[in-house]
Amino acid sequence: MRHLALAAMLPLALMPALACAGGDSDTLTKFGLIGDWAFDCKAFPSPTNPFVTFIPSTAGQPTRQITTGNPQHDALVPIGDTALLDDTHLRLSYPQGAVTVTVTLLKDNGRVRPLEARASDGTVSVVAGLVQRTGQPTAWLEKCTAQ
């Protein structure tokens, strides 16, 4: 009985923390981006199958963590300037080296992919879902569920 009471109280205990989440974290949560994403959730993280984790914060900016299995390619960066453009489009920014990259994501059927990406130095890497360097469409990331 005690365990049931604790389980019932847990959501209530978390409510103040959720209420204090920052605007950027709230936007990521509303869009459904919080959690793990990968090209193939069943495969291990690798440089060709990075796991991207969006982490909310109650005390600062949310973060984006990339796990590749190779520490030289792994990264953890703050996310800012989030804007929910509509139900299927989200814009966010993050630092990358000496520039800030602003990306517009497209969401469809539990997947996301970059639709636009522009760096603060004017470099454009993705337009209309196409990687400018190769002309190929950006890859979809699927939402990974708890195993």
Protein backbone atom coordinates (compact mmCIF):
# COMPACT_ATOMS: atom_id res chain seq x y z
CA MET A 1 0.00 0.00 0.00
CA ARG A 2 2.89 2.33 0.82
CA HIS A 3 4.38 1.77 -2.66
CA LEU A 4 1.06 2.64 -4.29
CA ALA A 5 0.86 5.87 -2.31
CA LEU A 6 4.43 6.81 -3.30
CA ALA A 7 3.75 5.98 -6.94
CA ALA A 8 0.63 8.14 -6.90
CA MET A 9 2.53 11.05 -5.34
CA LEU A 10 5.48 10.94 -7.76
CA PRO A 11 3.74 12.87 -10.56
CA LEU A 12 2.67 15.51 -8.04
CA ALA A 13 6.23 15.81 -6.74
CA LEU A 14 7.50 16.39 -10.26
CA MET A 15 4.95 19.07 -11.12
CA PRO A 16 6.89 21.98 -9.56
CA ALA A 17 9.98 21.02 -11.55
CA LEU A 18 8.01 20.86 -14.78
CA ALA A 19 6.33 24.15 -14.02
CA CYS A 20 9.74 25.79 -13.64
CA ALA A 21 11.11 24.46 -16.93
CA GLY A 22 12.39 27.20 -19.18
CA GLY A 23 10.65 28.38 -22.31
CA ASP A 24 13.08 26.54 -24.59
CA SER A 25 12.56 23.27 -22.69
CA ASP A 26 8.79 23.79 -22.78
CA THR A 27 8.92 24.28 -26.55
CA LEU A 28 10.99 21.11 -27.07
CA THR A 29 8.58 19.18 -24.85
CA LYS A 30 5.50 20.50 -26.67
CA PHE A 31 7.02 19.51 -30.04
CA GLY A 32 7.79 16.02 -28.66
CA LEU A 33 11.55 16.28 -29.15
CA ILE A 34 12.63 15.37 -25.61
CA GLY A 35 14.32 11.97 -25.55
CA ASP A 36 16.52 9.81 -27.76
CA TRP A 37 16.56 9.82 -31.57
CA ALA A 38 18.64 7.80 -34.07
CA PHE A 39 18.70 6.60 -37.66
CA ASP A 40 18.32 3.07 -36.27
CA CYS A 41 17.33 2.80 -32.61
CA LYS A 42 17.99 -0.97 -32.56
CA ALA A 43 21.64 -0.54 -33.56
CA PHE A 44 24.41 0.69 -31.28
CA PRO A 45 25.51 4.33 -31.45
CA SER A 46 28.28 4.85 -34.01
CA PRO A 47 29.60 7.66 -36.20
CA THR A 48 27.18 6.46 -38.92
CA ASN A 49 24.30 5.98 -36.42
CA PRO A 50 24.58 8.78 -33.87
CA PHE A 51 22.09 8.87 -31.04
CA VAL A 52 20.81 12.40 -30.48
CA THR A 53 19.29 13.08 -27.08
CA PHE A 54 17.36 16.23 -26.30
CA ILE A 55 17.43 16.96 -22.57
CA PRO A 56 15.20 19.56 -20.88
CA SER A 57 16.41 21.74 -18.04
CA THR A 58 14.70 23.39 -15.10
CA ALA A 59 17.73 25.52 -14.27
CA GLY A 60 19.03 26.73 -17.64
CA GLN A 61 19.06 25.87 -21.30
CA PRO A 62 18.06 22.46 -22.61
CA THR A 63 20.84 20.48 -24.27
CA ARG A 64 21.44 18.29 -27.27
CA GLN A 65 23.76 15.34 -26.67
CA ILE A 66 25.24 13.36 -29.55
CA THR A 67 26.56 9.89 -28.75
CA THR A 68 28.53 8.06 -31.45
CA GLY A 69 30.58 5.58 -29.44
CA ASN A 70 33.65 7.68 -30.34
CA PRO A 71 34.41 10.40 -27.75
CA GLN A 72 36.05 12.55 -30.45
CA HIS A 73 32.69 12.87 -32.20
CA ASP A 74 30.43 13.02 -29.14
CA ALA A 75 29.09 16.42 -28.13
CA LEU A 76 26.87 18.14 -25.61
CA VAL A 77 25.65 21.63 -26.52
CA PRO A 78 23.04 24.02 -25.17
CA ILE A 79 19.94 24.71 -27.26
CA GLY A 80 18.33 28.13 -27.44
CA ASP A 81 16.03 30.36 -29.44
CA THR A 82 13.44 27.60 -29.88
CA ALA A 83 10.26 28.44 -31.75
CA LEU A 84 7.35 26.15 -32.48
CA LEU A 85 6.43 27.27 -36.00
CA ASP A 86 3.44 24.89 -36.23
CA ASP A 87 2.62 21.29 -35.30
CA THR A 88 5.24 19.86 -37.67
CA HIS A 89 8.01 22.50 -37.68
CA LEU A 90 10.38 23.59 -34.91
CA ARG A 91 13.26 26.06 -35.13
CA LEU A 92 16.18 25.89 -32.68
CA SER A 93 19.76 27.11 -32.42
CA TYR A 94 22.96 25.67 -30.95
CA PRO A 95 26.66 26.58 -30.94
CA GLN A 96 28.99 24.69 -33.28
CA GLY A 97 32.58 25.83 -33.13
CA ALA A 98 32.77 29.58 -33.68
CA VAL A 99 29.24 29.90 -35.12
CA THR A 100 25.65 29.39 -34.07
CA VAL A 101 23.62 27.03 -36.22
CA THR A 102 19.89 27.57 -36.63
CA VAL A 103 17.94 24.52 -37.78
CA THR A 104 14.31 24.06 -38.72
CA LEU A 105 13.15 20.50 -38.06
CA LEU A 106 10.28 18.74 -39.80
CA LYS A 107 8.30 16.15 -37.81
CA ASP A 108 6.31 13.39 -39.51
CA ASN A 109 5.04 10.06 -38.16
CA GLY A 110 7.28 10.07 -35.07
CA ARG A 111 10.38 11.01 -37.06
CA VAL A 112 12.29 14.27 -37.49
CA ARG A 113 14.76 15.61 -40.02
CA PRO A 114 16.42 18.93 -40.76
CA LEU A 115 14.52 20.97 -43.33
CA GLU A 116 16.72 24.09 -43.17
CA ALA A 117 20.11 24.78 -41.56
CA ARG A 118 22.04 28.05 -41.58
CA ALA A 119 25.10 29.13 -39.60
CA SER A 120 25.55 32.63 -38.17
CA ASP A 121 28.42 33.22 -40.62
CA GLY A 122 25.97 32.87 -43.52
CA THR A 123 26.83 29.28 -44.45
CA VAL A 124 23.74 27.38 -45.57
CA SER A 125 24.02 23.60 -45.29
CA VAL A 126 20.40 22.46 -45.75
CA VAL A 127 17.67 23.97 -47.93
CA ALA A 128 14.22 22.45 -48.43
CA GLY A 129 15.42 19.22 -46.81
CA LEU A 130 18.40 18.82 -49.17
CA VAL A 131 22.03 18.78 -48.02
CA GLN A 132 23.64 21.51 -50.14
CA ARG A 133 27.03 19.75 -50.37
CA THR A 134 25.57 16.53 -51.84
CA GLY A 135 22.08 17.39 -53.08
CA GLN A 136 20.75 14.41 -51.09
CA PRO A 137 17.75 14.59 -48.76
CA THR A 138 18.49 14.85 -45.05
CA ALA A 139 18.03 11.59 -43.17
CA TRP A 140 15.13 10.92 -40.84
CA LEU A 141 15.77 10.28 -37.16
CA GLU A 142 13.29 7.99 -35.41
CA LYS A 143 12.20 8.39 -31.81
CA CYS A 144 13.73 5.65 -29.68
CA THR A 145 11.59 4.19 -26.92
CA ALA A 146 12.85 2.84 -23.61
CA GLN A 147 14.17 -0.67 -24.09
